[in-house]
Amino acid sequence: MKKQTTPHPRIEDQGHYHKIGRLRKPIAEQIHRKSADIYIDDNHLKHIFAQHQKELERQGLKTPFSRLG
């Protein structure tokens, strides 16, 4: 009997995740991973802003959401 699985919701369809980049094929091959989009959740963005505000400001970002579309 084949095991039935429940499909997982796609991460890009979940509002609390944001695409922040992509692991490109040349780098993915070097580290033995698949090329894929990179996502981060709201809690990690809040942590980055709370703990790394000076670094963000040096990069010209006022919030961790500045470059998200």
PDB file of N, CA and C in Angstrom:
ATOM      1  N   MET A   1       0.844  -1.174   0.000  1.00  0.00           N
ATOM      2  CA  MET A   1       0.000   0.000   0.000  1.00  0.00           C
ATOM      3  C   MET A   1       0.894   1.243   0.000  1.00  0.00           C
ATOM      4  N   LYS A   2       0.613   2.177  -0.893  1.00  0.00           N
ATOM      5  CA  LYS A   2       1.394   3.404  -1.001  1.00  0.00           C
ATOM      6  C   LYS A   2       0.968   4.402   0.082  1.00  0.00           C
ATOM      7  N   LYS A   3       1.967   4.992   0.733  1.00  0.00           N
ATOM      8  CA  LYS A   3       1.690   5.979   1.785  1.00  0.00           C
ATOM      9  C   LYS A   3       1.152   7.264   1.160  1.00  0.00           C
ATOM     10  N   GLN A   4       0.047   7.743   1.698  1.00  0.00           N
ATOM     11  CA  GLN A   4      -0.545   8.975   1.205  1.00  0.00           C
ATOM     12  C   GLN A   4       0.021  10.148   1.999  1.00  0.00           C
ATOM     13  N   THR A   5       0.445  11.178   1.301  1.00  0.00           N
ATOM     14  CA  THR A   5       1.014  12.343   1.971  1.00  0.00           C
ATOM     15  C   THR A   5       0.105  13.547   1.774  1.00  0.00           C
ATOM     16  N   THR A   6       0.198  14.445   2.729  1.00  0.00           N
ATOM     17  CA  THR A   6      -0.537  15.698   2.644  1.00  0.00           C
ATOM     18  C   THR A   6       0.382  16.731   2.019  1.00  0.00           C
ATOM     19  N   PRO A   7      -0.067  17.399   0.969  1.00  0.00           N
ATOM     20  CA  PRO A   7       0.810  18.408   0.350  1.00  0.00           C
ATOM     21  C   PRO A   7       1.052  19.580   1.302  1.00  0.00           C
ATOM     22  N   HIS A   8       2.289  20.049   1.320  1.00  0.00           N
ATOM     23  CA  HIS A   8       2.633  21.209   2.141  1.00  0.00           C
ATOM     24  C   HIS A   8       2.340  22.480   1.353  1.00  0.00           C
ATOM     25  N   PRO A   9       1.863  23.522   2.024  1.00  0.00           N
ATOM     26  CA  PRO A   9       1.624  24.774   1.310  1.00  0.00           C
ATOM     27  C   PRO A   9       2.949  25.353   0.811  1.00  0.00           C
ATOM     28  N   ARG A  10       2.925  25.950  -0.354  1.00  0.00           N
ATOM     29  CA  ARG A  10       4.150  26.550  -0.907  1.00  0.00           C
ATOM     30  C   ARG A  10       4.526  27.753  -0.066  1.00  0.00           C
ATOM     31  N   ILE A  11       5.811  27.876   0.226  1.00  0.00           N
ATOM     32  CA  ILE A  11       6.271  28.941   1.121  1.00  0.00           C
ATOM     33  C   ILE A  11       5.973  30.328   0.553  1.00  0.00           C
ATOM     34  N   GLU A  12       6.073  30.482  -0.771  1.00  0.00           N
ATOM     35  CA  GLU A  12       5.832  31.811  -1.346  1.00  0.00           C
ATOM     36  C   GLU A  12       4.365  32.223  -1.258  1.00  0.00           C
ATOM     37  N   ASP A  13       3.480  31.277  -0.961  1.00  0.00           N
ATOM     38  CA  ASP A  13       2.062  31.595  -0.795  1.00  0.00           C
ATOM     39  C   ASP A  13       1.705  31.948   0.643  1.00  0.00           C
ATOM     40  N   GLN A  14       2.671  31.896   1.537  1.00  0.00           N
ATOM     41  CA  GLN A  14       2.419  32.211   2.934  1.00  0.00           C
ATOM     42  C   GLN A  14       2.857  33.650   3.199  1.00  0.00           C
ATOM     43  N   GLY A  15       1.937  34.464   3.693  1.00  0.00           N
ATOM     44  CA  GLY A  15       2.166  35.896   3.844  1.00  0.00           C
ATOM     45  C   GLY A  15       3.303  36.278   4.769  1.00  0.00           C
ATOM     46  N   HIS A  16       3.687  35.425   5.703  1.00  0.00           N
ATOM     47  CA  HIS A  16       4.706  35.808   6.662  1.00  0.00           C
ATOM     48  C   HIS A  16       6.116  35.448   6.199  1.00  0.00           C
ATOM     49  N   TYR A  17       6.263  34.983   4.954  1.00  0.00           N
ATOM     50  CA  TYR A  17       7.577  34.716   4.378  1.00  0.00           C
ATOM     51  C   TYR A  17       7.837  35.695   3.243  1.00  0.00           C
ATOM     52  N   HIS A  18       9.098  36.090   3.087  1.00  0.00           N
ATOM     53  CA  HIS A  18       9.476  37.046   2.055  1.00  0.00           C
ATOM     54  C   HIS A  18      10.685  36.516   1.301  1.00  0.00           C
ATOM     55  N   LYS A  19      10.623  36.599  -0.015  1.00  0.00           N
ATOM     56  CA  LYS A  19      11.762  36.196  -0.830  1.00  0.00           C
ATOM     57  C   LYS A  19      12.833  37.275  -0.702  1.00  0.00           C
ATOM     58  N   ILE A  20      14.047  36.863  -0.321  1.00  0.00           N
ATOM     59  CA  ILE A  20      15.120  37.839  -0.153  1.00  0.00           C
ATOM     60  C   ILE A  20      16.263  37.624  -1.136  1.00  0.00           C
ATOM     61  N   GLY A  21      16.178  36.597  -1.939  1.00  0.00           N
ATOM     62  CA  GLY A  21      17.234  36.360  -2.905  1.00  0.00           C
ATOM     63  C   GLY A  21      17.103  34.991  -3.539  1.00  0.00           C
ATOM     64  N   ARG A  22      18.189  34.585  -4.184  1.00  0.00           N
ATOM     65  CA  ARG A  22      18.207  33.288  -4.853  1.00  0.00           C
ATOM     66  C   ARG A  22      19.608  32.708  -4.773  1.00  0.00           C
ATOM     67  N   LEU A  23      19.680  31.443  -4.448  1.00  0.00           N
ATOM     68  CA  LEU A  23      20.933  30.708  -4.483  1.00  0.00           C
ATOM     69  C   LEU A  23      21.155  30.324  -5.944  1.00  0.00           C
ATOM     70  N   ARG A  24      22.109  30.984  -6.580  1.00  0.00           N
ATOM     71  CA  ARG A  24      22.368  30.781  -8.003  1.00  0.00           C
ATOM     72  C   ARG A  24      23.077  29.459  -8.258  1.00  0.00           C
ATOM     73  N   LYS A  25      22.911  28.956  -9.482  1.00  0.00           N
ATOM     74  CA  LYS A  25      23.408  27.638  -9.847  1.00  0.00           C
ATOM     75  C   LYS A  25      24.911  27.451  -9.601  1.00  0.00           C
ATOM     76  N   PRO A  26      25.796  28.394  -9.980  1.00  0.00           N
ATOM     77  CA  PRO A  26      27.232  28.162  -9.754  1.00  0.00           C
ATOM     78  C   PRO A  26      27.588  27.987  -8.275  1.00  0.00           C
ATOM     79  N   ILE A  27      26.980  28.789  -7.419  1.00  0.00           N
ATOM     80  CA  ILE A  27      27.238  28.677  -5.979  1.00  0.00           C
ATOM     81  C   ILE A  27      26.605  27.405  -5.441  1.00  0.00           C
ATOM     82  N   ALA A  28      25.381  27.117  -5.868  1.00  0.00           N
ATOM     83  CA  ALA A  28      24.688  25.905  -5.417  1.00  0.00           C
ATOM     84  C   ALA A  28      25.517  24.662  -5.738  1.00  0.00           C
ATOM     85  N   GLU A  29      26.091  24.621  -6.927  1.00  0.00           N
ATOM     86  CA  GLU A  29      26.924  23.476  -7.304  1.00  0.00           C
ATOM     87  C   GLU A  29      28.155  23.362  -6.422  1.00  0.00           C
ATOM     88  N   GLN A  30      28.764  24.498  -6.084  1.00  0.00           N
ATOM     89  CA  GLN A  30      29.962  24.486  -5.238  1.00  0.00           C
ATOM     90  C   GLN A  30      29.679  23.939  -3.850  1.00  0.00           C
ATOM     91  N   ILE A  31      28.483  24.205  -3.327  1.00  0.00           N
ATOM     92  CA  ILE A  31      28.157  23.750  -1.969  1.00  0.00           C
ATOM     93  C   ILE A  31      27.240  22.521  -1.986  1.00  0.00           C
ATOM     94  N   HIS A  32      27.093  21.928  -3.173  1.00  0.00           N
ATOM     95  CA  HIS A  32      26.328  20.684  -3.339  1.00  0.00           C
ATOM     96  C   HIS A  32      24.871  20.825  -2.892  1.00  0.00           C
ATOM     97  N   ARG A  33      24.253  21.904  -3.349  1.00  0.00           N
ATOM     98  CA  ARG A  33      22.836  22.166  -3.084  1.00  0.00           C
ATOM     99  C   ARG A  33      22.138  22.438  -4.405  1.00  0.00           C
ATOM    100  N   LYS A  34      20.812  22.479  -4.363  1.00  0.00           N
ATOM    101  CA  LYS A  34      20.028  22.848  -5.536  1.00  0.00           C
ATOM    102  C   LYS A  34      19.886  24.357  -5.580  1.00  0.00           C
ATOM    103  N   SER A  35      19.837  24.897  -6.775  1.00  0.00           N
ATOM    104  CA  SER A  35      19.545  26.316  -6.944  1.00  0.00           C
ATOM    105  C   SER A  35      18.113  26.548  -6.501  1.00  0.00           C
ATOM    106  N   ALA A  36      17.877  27.584  -5.705  1.00  0.00           N
ATOM    107  CA  ALA A  36      16.532  27.824  -5.178  1.00  0.00           C
ATOM    108  C   ALA A  36      16.393  29.253  -4.675  1.00  0.00           C
ATOM    109  N   ASP A  37      15.143  29.680  -4.558  1.00  0.00           N
ATOM    110  CA  ASP A  37      14.869  30.984  -3.947  1.00  0.00           C
ATOM    111  C   ASP A  37      15.153  30.897  -2.453  1.00  0.00           C
ATOM    112  N   ILE A  38      15.495  32.042  -1.863  1.00  0.00           N
ATOM    113  CA  ILE A  38      15.781  32.119  -0.430  1.00  0.00           C
ATOM    114  C   ILE A  38      14.684  32.960   0.213  1.00  0.00           C
ATOM    115  N   TYR A  39      14.065  32.405   1.243  1.00  0.00           N
ATOM    116  CA  TYR A  39      12.972  33.073   1.952  1.00  0.00           C
ATOM    117  C   TYR A  39      13.340  33.274   3.413  1.00  0.00           C
ATOM    118  N   ILE A  40      12.741  34.311   4.020  1.00  0.00           N
ATOM    119  CA  ILE A  40      12.926  34.586   5.439  1.00  0.00           C
ATOM    120  C   ILE A  40      11.566  34.948   6.023  1.00  0.00           C
ATOM    121  N   ASP A  41      11.355  34.602   7.281  1.00  0.00           N
ATOM    122  CA  ASP A  41      10.059  34.921   7.879  1.00  0.00           C
ATOM    123  C   ASP A  41      10.125  36.251   8.637  1.00  0.00           C
ATOM    124  N   ASP A  42       8.942  36.760   8.990  1.00  0.00           N
ATOM    125  CA  ASP A  42       8.839  38.060   9.668  1.00  0.00           C
ATOM    126  C   ASP A  42       9.651  38.109  10.958  1.00  0.00           C
ATOM    127  N   ASN A  43       9.638  37.032  11.745  1.00  0.00           N
ATOM    128  CA  ASN A  43      10.354  37.041  13.020  1.00  0.00           C
ATOM    129  C   ASN A  43      11.861  37.214  12.830  1.00  0.00           C
ATOM    130  N   HIS A  44      12.423  36.582  11.811  1.00  0.00           N
ATOM    131  CA  HIS A  44      13.855  36.738  11.567  1.00  0.00           C
ATOM    132  C   HIS A  44      14.171  38.147  11.055  1.00  0.00           C
ATOM    133  N   LEU A  45      13.271  38.716  10.255  1.00  0.00           N
ATOM    134  CA  LEU A  45      13.479  40.098   9.818  1.00  0.00           C
ATOM    135  C   LEU A  45      13.450  41.048  11.009  1.00  0.00           C
ATOM    136  N   LYS A  46      12.523  40.818  11.937  1.00  0.00           N
ATOM    137  CA  LYS A  46      12.451  41.663  13.134  1.00  0.00           C
ATOM    138  C   LYS A  46      13.721  41.521  13.963  1.00  0.00           C
ATOM    139  N   HIS A  47      14.243  40.302  14.090  1.00  0.00           N
ATOM    140  CA  HIS A  47      15.490  40.076  14.827  1.00  0.00           C
ATOM    141  C   HIS A  47      16.639  40.831  14.163  1.00  0.00           C
ATOM    142  N   ILE A  48      16.736  40.727  12.852  1.00  0.00           N
ATOM    143  CA  ILE A  48      17.819  41.397  12.125  1.00  0.00           C
ATOM    144  C   ILE A  48      17.763  42.894  12.393  1.00  0.00           C
ATOM    145  N   PHE A  49      16.567  43.476  12.316  1.00  0.00           N
ATOM    146  CA  PHE A  49      16.451  44.913  12.544  1.00  0.00           C
ATOM    147  C   PHE A  49      16.776  45.275  13.993  1.00  0.00           C
ATOM    148  N   ALA A  50      16.308  44.472  14.934  1.00  0.00           N
ATOM    149  CA  ALA A  50      16.534  44.777  16.351  1.00  0.00           C
ATOM    150  C   ALA A  50      17.997  44.617  16.742  1.00  0.00           C
ATOM    151  N   GLN A  51      18.671  43.621  16.216  1.00  0.00           N
ATOM    152  CA  GLN A  51      20.034  43.318  16.645  1.00  0.00           C
ATOM    153  C   GLN A  51      21.123  43.882  15.724  1.00  0.00           C
ATOM    154  N   HIS A  52      20.755  44.306  14.533  1.00  0.00           N
ATOM    155  CA  HIS A  52      21.757  44.711  13.550  1.00  0.00           C
ATOM    156  C   HIS A  52      21.414  46.041  12.886  1.00  0.00           C
ATOM    157  N   GLN A  53      20.760  46.917  13.639  1.00  0.00           N
ATOM    158  CA  GLN A  53      20.289  48.183  13.089  1.00  0.00           C
ATOM    159  C   GLN A  53      21.435  49.033  12.521  1.00  0.00           C
ATOM    160  N   LYS A  54      22.561  49.111  13.207  1.00  0.00           N
ATOM    161  CA  LYS A  54      23.670  49.934  12.718  1.00  0.00           C
ATOM    162  C   LYS A  54      24.220  49.414  11.395  1.00  0.00           C
ATOM    163  N   GLU A  55      24.332  48.090  11.272  1.00  0.00           N
ATOM    164  CA  GLU A  55      24.812  47.506  10.030  1.00  0.00           C
ATOM    165  C   GLU A  55      23.850  47.795   8.882  1.00  0.00           C
ATOM    166  N   LEU A  56      22.537  47.711   9.169  1.00  0.00           N
ATOM    167  CA  LEU A  56      21.536  48.018   8.153  1.00  0.00           C
ATOM    168  C   LEU A  56      21.652  49.477   7.711  1.00  0.00           C
ATOM    169  N   GLU A  57      21.806  50.378   8.673  1.00  0.00           N
ATOM    170  CA  GLU A  57      21.903  51.802   8.345  1.00  0.00           C
ATOM    171  C   GLU A  57      23.131  52.093   7.496  1.00  0.00           C
ATOM    172  N   ARG A  58      24.246  51.398   7.775  1.00  0.00           N
ATOM    173  CA  ARG A  58      25.451  51.580   6.960  1.00  0.00           C
ATOM    174  C   ARG A  58      25.222  51.128   5.523  1.00  0.00           C
ATOM    175  N   GLN A  59      24.303  50.190   5.326  1.00  0.00           N
ATOM    176  CA  GLN A  59      23.965  49.712   3.988  1.00  0.00           C
ATOM    177  C   GLN A  59      22.871  50.565   3.339  1.00  0.00           C
ATOM    178  N   GLY A  60      22.380  51.563   4.074  1.00  0.00           N
ATOM    179  CA  GLY A  60      21.350  52.440   3.541  1.00  0.00           C
ATOM    180  C   GLY A  60      19.932  51.917   3.709  1.00  0.00           C
ATOM    181  N   LEU A  61      19.740  50.949   4.605  1.00  0.00           N
ATOM    182  CA  LEU A  61      18.411  50.387   4.838  1.00  0.00           C
ATOM    183  C   LEU A  61      17.842  50.925   6.146  1.00  0.00           C
ATOM    184  N   LYS A  62      16.643  51.459   6.086  1.00  0.00           N
ATOM    185  CA  LYS A  62      16.018  51.995   7.283  1.00  0.00           C
ATOM    186  C   LYS A  62      15.274  50.905   8.059  1.00  0.00           C
ATOM    187  N   THR A  63      14.774  49.888   7.360  1.00  0.00           N
ATOM    188  CA  THR A  63      14.092  48.759   7.980  1.00  0.00           C
ATOM    189  C   THR A  63      14.556  47.476   7.274  1.00  0.00           C
ATOM    190  N   PRO A  64      14.357  46.326   7.883  1.00  0.00           N
ATOM    191  CA  PRO A  64      14.739  45.085   7.194  1.00  0.00           C
ATOM    192  C   PRO A  64      13.846  44.810   5.987  1.00  0.00           C
ATOM    193  N   PHE A  65      12.732  45.542   5.855  1.00  0.00           N
ATOM    194  CA  PHE A  65      11.809  45.325   4.746  1.00  0.00           C
ATOM    195  C   PHE A  65      12.116  46.244   3.558  1.00  0.00           C
ATOM    196  N   SER A  66      13.133  47.107   3.666  1.00  0.00           N
ATOM    197  CA  SER A  66      13.391  48.114   2.644  1.00  0.00           C
ATOM    198  C   SER A  66      13.577  47.565   1.238  1.00  0.00           C
ATOM    199  N   ARG A  67      14.213  46.410   1.111  1.00  0.00           N
ATOM    200  CA  ARG A  67      14.485  45.859  -0.215  1.00  0.00           C
ATOM    201  C   ARG A  67      13.481  44.801  -0.636  1.00  0.00           C
ATOM    202  N   LEU A  68      12.479  44.561   0.165  1.00  0.00           N
ATOM    203  CA  LEU A  68      11.487  43.552  -0.184  1.00  0.00           C
ATOM    204  C   LEU A  68      10.411  44.183  -1.039  1.00  0.00           C
ATOM    205  N   GLY A  69       9.946  43.436  -2.037  1.00  0.00           N
ATOM    206  CA  GLY A  69       8.953  43.986  -2.943  1.00  0.00           C
ATOM    207  C   GLY A  69       7.588  43.516  -2.711  1.00  0.00           C
TER     208      GLY A  69
END
